Every structure is written in structure tokens, then in C-alpha cells.
C-alpha atoms as a PDB file:
ATOM      1  CA  UNK A   1      59.359  -0.268 -31.097  1.00  0.00           C
ATOM      2  CA  UNK A   2      59.522  -3.956 -31.925  1.00  0.00           C
ATOM      3  CA  UNK A   3      60.748  -5.307 -35.230  1.00  0.00           C
ATOM      4  CA  UNK A   4      58.199  -7.095 -37.390  1.00  0.00           C
ATOM      5  CA  UNK A   5      60.107 -10.392 -37.014  1.00  0.00           C
ATOM      6  CA  UNK A   6      59.908 -10.090 -33.210  1.00  0.00           C
ATOM      7  CA  UNK A   7      56.172  -9.481 -33.442  1.00  0.00           C
ATOM      8  CA  UNK A   8      55.736 -12.492 -35.729  1.00  0.00           C
ATOM      9  CA  UNK A   9      57.729 -14.685 -33.322  1.00  0.00           C
ATOM     10  CA  UNK A  10      55.561 -13.599 -30.392  1.00  0.00           C
ATOM     11  CA  UNK A  11      52.344 -14.187 -32.330  1.00  0.00           C
ATOM     12  CA  UNK A  12      53.346 -17.577 -33.726  1.00  0.00           C
ATOM     13  CA  UNK A  13      56.140 -19.045 -31.567  1.00  0.00           C
ATOM     14  CA  UNK A  14      55.620 -22.556 -32.929  1.00  0.00           C
ATOM     15  CA  UNK A  15      56.282 -21.311 -36.466  1.00  0.00           C
ATOM     16  CA  UNK A  16      59.566 -19.784 -35.305  1.00  0.00           C
ATOM     17  CA  UNK A  17      60.618 -23.076 -33.707  1.00  0.00           C
ATOM     18  CA  UNK A  18      59.812 -24.954 -36.902  1.00  0.00           C
ATOM     19  CA  UNK A  19      61.897 -22.452 -38.890  1.00  0.00           C
ATOM     20  CA  UNK A  20      64.825 -22.854 -36.479  1.00  0.00           C
ATOM     21  CA  UNK A  21      64.678 -26.659 -36.676  1.00  0.00           C
ATOM     22  CA  UNK A  22      64.547 -26.460 -40.473  1.00  0.00           C
ATOM     23  CA  UNK A  23      67.572 -24.140 -40.510  1.00  0.00           C
ATOM     24  CA  UNK A  24      69.488 -26.532 -38.240  1.00  0.00           C
ATOM     25  CA  UNK A  25      68.583 -29.434 -40.531  1.00  0.00           C
ATOM     26  CA  UNK A  26      69.823 -27.492 -43.565  1.00  0.00           C
ATOM     27  CA  UNK A  27      73.121 -26.590 -41.833  1.00  0.00           C
ATOM     28  CA  UNK A  28      73.709 -30.230 -40.878  1.00  0.00           C
ATOM     29  CA  UNK A  29      72.738 -31.451 -44.329  1.00  0.00           C
ATOM     30  CA  UNK A  30      75.072 -28.931 -45.978  1.00  0.00           C
ATOM     31  CA  UNK A  31      77.901 -30.158 -43.777  1.00  0.00           C
ATOM     32  CA  UNK A  32      77.304 -33.765 -44.751  1.00  0.00           C
ATOM     33  CA  UNK A  33      77.020 -32.910 -48.451  1.00  0.00           C
ATOM     34  CA  UNK A  34      79.926 -30.475 -48.779  1.00  0.00           C
ATOM     35  CA  UNK A  35      82.443 -33.195 -49.813  1.00  0.00           C
ATOM     36  CA  UNK A  36      80.239 -33.887 -52.852  1.00  0.00           C
ATOM     37  CA  UNK A  37      80.074 -30.178 -53.743  1.00  0.00           C
ATOM     38  CA  UNK A  38      76.279 -30.081 -53.661  1.00  0.00           C
ATOM     39  CA  UNK A  39      74.103 -27.839 -51.522  1.00  0.00           C
ATOM     40  CA  UNK A  40      71.200 -28.941 -49.357  1.00  0.00           C
ATOM     41  CA  UNK A  41      68.843 -27.047 -51.666  1.00  0.00           C
ATOM     42  CA  UNK A  42      70.225 -28.747 -54.772  1.00  0.00           C
ATOM     43  CA  UNK A  43      69.887 -32.135 -53.066  1.00  0.00           C
ATOM     44  CA  UNK A  44      66.283 -31.376 -52.121  1.00  0.00           C
ATOM     45  CA  UNK A  45      65.506 -30.492 -55.757  1.00  0.00           C
ATOM     46  CA  UNK A  46      67.173 -33.669 -57.062  1.00  0.00           C
ATOM     47  CA  UNK A  47      65.263 -35.804 -54.547  1.00  0.00           C
ATOM     48  CA  UNK A  48      61.972 -34.161 -55.494  1.00  0.00           C
ATOM     49  CA  UNK A  49      62.575 -34.820 -59.185  1.00  0.00           C
ATOM     50  CA  UNK A  50      63.654 -38.406 -58.397  1.00  0.00           C
ATOM     51  CA  UNK A  51      60.416 -39.073 -56.519  1.00  0.00           C
ATOM     52  CA  UNK A  52      58.266 -37.722 -59.337  1.00  0.00           C
ATOM     53  CA  UNK A  53      60.366 -39.197 -62.212  1.00  0.00           C
ATOM     54  CA  UNK A  54      59.292 -36.354 -64.539  1.00  0.00           C
ATOM     55  CA  UNK A  55      57.845 -33.054 -63.364  1.00  0.00           C
ATOM     56  CA  UNK A  56      57.111 -29.647 -64.815  1.00  0.00           C
ATOM     57  CA  UNK A  57      59.046 -26.669 -63.431  1.00  0.00           C
ATOM     58  CA  UNK A  58      55.758 -25.216 -62.146  1.00  0.00           C
ATOM     59  CA  UNK A  59      54.853 -28.401 -60.291  1.00  0.00           C
ATOM     60  CA  UNK A  60      58.342 -28.552 -58.809  1.00  0.00           C
ATOM     61  CA  UNK A  61      58.124 -24.922 -57.708  1.00  0.00           C
ATOM     62  CA  UNK A  62      54.818 -25.598 -55.927  1.00  0.00           C
ATOM     63  CA  UNK A  63      56.094 -28.843 -54.404  1.00  0.00           C
ATOM     64  CA  UNK A  64      59.125 -27.091 -52.897  1.00  0.00           C
ATOM     65  CA  UNK A  65      57.339 -23.786 -52.143  1.00  0.00           C
ATOM     66  CA  UNK A  66      59.935 -21.885 -54.152  1.00  0.00           C
ATOM     67  CA  UNK A  67      59.572 -18.764 -56.262  1.00  0.00           C
ATOM     68  CA  UNK A  68      59.431 -19.741 -59.957  1.00  0.00           C
ATOM     69  CA  UNK A  69      62.275 -17.343 -60.826  1.00  0.00           C
ATOM     70  CA  UNK A  70      64.560 -18.796 -58.171  1.00  0.00           C
ATOM     71  CA  UNK A  71      63.512 -22.265 -59.280  1.00  0.00           C
ATOM     72  CA  UNK A  72      64.447 -21.505 -62.891  1.00  0.00           C
ATOM     73  CA  UNK A  73      67.924 -20.339 -61.822  1.00  0.00           C
ATOM     74  CA  UNK A  74      68.374 -23.488 -59.726  1.00  0.00           C
ATOM     75  CA  UNK A  75      67.338 -25.690 -62.640  1.00  0.00           C
ATOM     76  CA  UNK A  76      69.823 -23.882 -64.879  1.00  0.00           C
ATOM     77  CA  UNK A  77      72.617 -24.621 -62.358  1.00  0.00           C
ATOM     78  CA  UNK A  78      71.611 -28.288 -62.075  1.00  0.00           C
ATOM     79  CA  UNK A  79      71.447 -28.578 -65.845  1.00  0.00           C
ATOM     80  CA  UNK A  80      74.930 -27.038 -66.224  1.00  0.00           C
ATOM     81  CA  UNK A  81      76.216 -29.712 -63.805  1.00  0.00           C
ATOM     82  CA  UNK A  82      74.640 -32.377 -66.002  1.00  0.00           C
ATOM     83  CA  UNK A  83      72.282 -33.589 -63.260  1.00  0.00           C
ATOM     84  CA  UNK A  84      68.950 -32.793 -64.927  1.00  0.00           C
ATOM     85  CA  UNK A  85      67.554 -32.608 -68.438  1.00  0.00           C
ATOM     86  CA  UNK A  86      64.719 -30.547 -69.832  1.00  0.00           C
ATOM     87  CA  UNK A  87      62.494 -32.604 -72.110  1.00  0.00           C
ATOM     88  CA  UNK A  88      59.568 -31.544 -74.296  1.00  0.00           C
ATOM     89  CA  UNK A  89      56.246 -31.968 -72.525  1.00  0.00           C
ATOM     90  CA  UNK A  90      54.015 -34.150 -74.735  1.00  0.00           C
ATOM     91  CA  UNK A  91      50.932 -32.658 -73.040  1.00  0.00           C
ATOM     92  CA  UNK A  92      51.980 -29.016 -73.537  1.00  0.00           C
ATOM     93  CA  UNK A  93      53.825 -27.975 -76.698  1.00  0.00           C
ATOM     94  CA  UNK A  94      55.260 -24.881 -74.982  1.00  0.00           C
ATOM     95  CA  UNK A  95      56.137 -26.665 -71.738  1.00  0.00           C
ATOM     96  CA  UNK A  96      58.998 -28.834 -70.573  1.00  0.00           C
ATOM     97  CA  UNK A  97      59.445 -31.712 -68.172  1.00  0.00           C
ATOM     98  CA  UNK A  98      62.376 -31.980 -65.797  1.00  0.00           C
ATOM     99  CA  UNK A  99      64.036 -35.364 -65.380  1.00  0.00           C
ATOM    100  CA  UNK A 100      67.189 -36.577 -63.670  1.00  0.00           C
ATOM    101  CA  UNK A 101      70.039 -37.616 -65.925  1.00  0.00           C
ATOM    102  CA  UNK A 102      71.902 -40.819 -65.033  1.00  0.00           C
ATOM    103  CA  UNK A 103      74.550 -38.550 -63.445  1.00  0.00           C
ATOM    104  CA  UNK A 104      71.844 -36.751 -61.452  1.00  0.00           C
ATOM    105  CA  UNK A 105      70.421 -40.025 -60.219  1.00  0.00           C
ATOM    106  CA  UNK A 106      73.915 -41.188 -59.261  1.00  0.00           C
ATOM    107  CA  UNK A 107      74.544 -37.926 -57.354  1.00  0.00           C
ATOM    108  CA  UNK A 108      71.230 -38.264 -55.552  1.00  0.00           C
ATOM    109  CA  UNK A 109      72.078 -41.839 -54.531  1.00  0.00           C
ATOM    110  CA  UNK A 110      75.563 -40.780 -53.353  1.00  0.00           C
ATOM    111  CA  UNK A 111      74.016 -38.050 -51.218  1.00  0.00           C
ATOM    112  CA  UNK A 112      71.489 -40.427 -49.691  1.00  0.00           C
ATOM    113  CA  UNK A 113      74.251 -42.920 -48.889  1.00  0.00           C
ATOM    114  CA  UNK A 114      76.434 -40.182 -47.383  1.00  0.00           C
ATOM    115  CA  UNK A 115      73.700 -38.692 -45.211  1.00  0.00           C
ATOM    116  CA  UNK A 116      72.075 -42.016 -44.320  1.00  0.00           C
ATOM    117  CA  UNK A 117      70.506 -42.050 -40.898  1.00  0.00           C
ATOM    118  CA  UNK A 118      73.203 -39.788 -39.458  1.00  0.00           C
ATOM    119  CA  UNK A 119      71.155 -36.635 -40.058  1.00  0.00           C
ATOM    120  CA  UNK A 120      68.131 -38.111 -38.280  1.00  0.00           C
ATOM    121  CA  UNK A 121      70.320 -39.249 -35.379  1.00  0.00           C
ATOM    122  CA  UNK A 122      71.931 -35.816 -35.088  1.00  0.00           C
ATOM    123  CA  UNK A 123      68.595 -33.983 -35.184  1.00  0.00           C
ATOM    124  CA  UNK A 124      67.032 -36.243 -32.557  1.00  0.00           C
ATOM    125  CA  UNK A 125      70.018 -36.945 -30.324  1.00  0.00           C
ATOM    126  CA  UNK A 126      68.458 -35.098 -27.356  1.00  0.00           C
ATOM    127  CA  UNK A 127      65.128 -36.926 -27.623  1.00  0.00           C
ATOM    128  CA  UNK A 128      64.051 -40.342 -26.476  1.00  0.00           C
ATOM    129  CA  UNK A 129      62.643 -42.793 -28.996  1.00  0.00           C
ATOM    130  CA  UNK A 130      59.176 -42.116 -27.619  1.00  0.00           C
ATOM    131  CA  UNK A 131      59.652 -38.345 -27.977  1.00  0.00           C
ATOM    132  CA  UNK A 132      60.806 -38.797 -31.578  1.00  0.00           C
ATOM    133  CA  UNK A 133      57.697 -40.853 -32.336  1.00  0.00           C
ATOM    134  CA  UNK A 134      55.454 -38.269 -30.637  1.00  0.00           C
ATOM    135  CA  UNK A 135      57.108 -35.385 -32.478  1.00  0.00           C
ATOM    136  CA  UNK A 136      56.639 -37.160 -35.797  1.00  0.00           C
ATOM    137  CA  UNK A 137      53.021 -37.903 -34.981  1.00  0.00           C
ATOM    138  CA  UNK A 138      52.285 -34.291 -33.982  1.00  0.00           C
ATOM    139  CA  UNK A 139      54.049 -32.766 -36.979  1.00  0.00           C
ATOM    140  CA  UNK A 140      52.058 -35.050 -39.314  1.00  0.00           C
ATOM    141  CA  UNK A 141      48.856 -33.800 -37.668  1.00  0.00           C
ATOM    142  CA  UNK A 142      49.862 -30.204 -38.465  1.00  0.00           C
ATOM    143  CA  UNK A 143      50.285 -31.052 -42.156  1.00  0.00           C
ATOM    144  CA  UNK A 144      47.211 -31.317 -44.376  1.00  0.00           C
END
């Protein structure tokens, strides 16, 4: 009898390849970021907040496709590190907005400088420039 994950991989092999590439990207990113004592997931959250300036936890959870409970725990960790602040939401008296602190913005910028183009180069080192362009084009077509 086959395991459910084997069946899924046979039914949707492209999805499995995308998952594997994403896992490789996260391993590489974690390696680059380890000297700064920040995880790839934490970096992704900081970058998402940076791009939005201010965002509700619910919007952030949807943006990152993360369970709201896991997202709340992550936000608590980032807040304890002093990288984010929870602010009252002027449009929702019970809600909050998440914003980077100056320290969070500085950490995000340090991470970007550390990773630079090295991650892209490492991920695409076995592809030609034309293949990289084609892959990017095709992946964008898959997205809505």
C-alpha cells in the first residue's frame, strides 16, 4: 500500500518539485542568515511587514499562507526581539496593526545585504541565463 504522500507526488509531480525547490531555498537562506541569529521564516515575516509598512495579523497570515495561531506565536517572538511593534488599529478598536521597529527595519536591511544576490546565484547555478528567464516566466504564469 502506498503512503498518501507518495500518491500525492504521483498525482501532482510539479507540486512536489516546487516544494523541494522551496525547501532548498529555505535551507540556503537559513545558512546565510544564521550569523545574524534569525531564521528564514522570521526574515520572510519581517520582509512582508516592511513591504506593507503596517499590516494586520490576519492580513499577514493570509499573505504568508500561515495558520493564524502559528502566526501569533511568531509575532510574539519577533516582538520579544524588539523587531516589531503592535499598534492600535484606528479602523478597528479591537484590532492591531503590525509595524517594524527601527531595530526590525535594521535587521531586515542587514539580512538583505547579507543574502544579496548570492541566494539567487546558488539556486540557479545549474541553469543558463535563458533557462532562468524561462523558469521565471513560467512560474509567473502559474501564479494568479
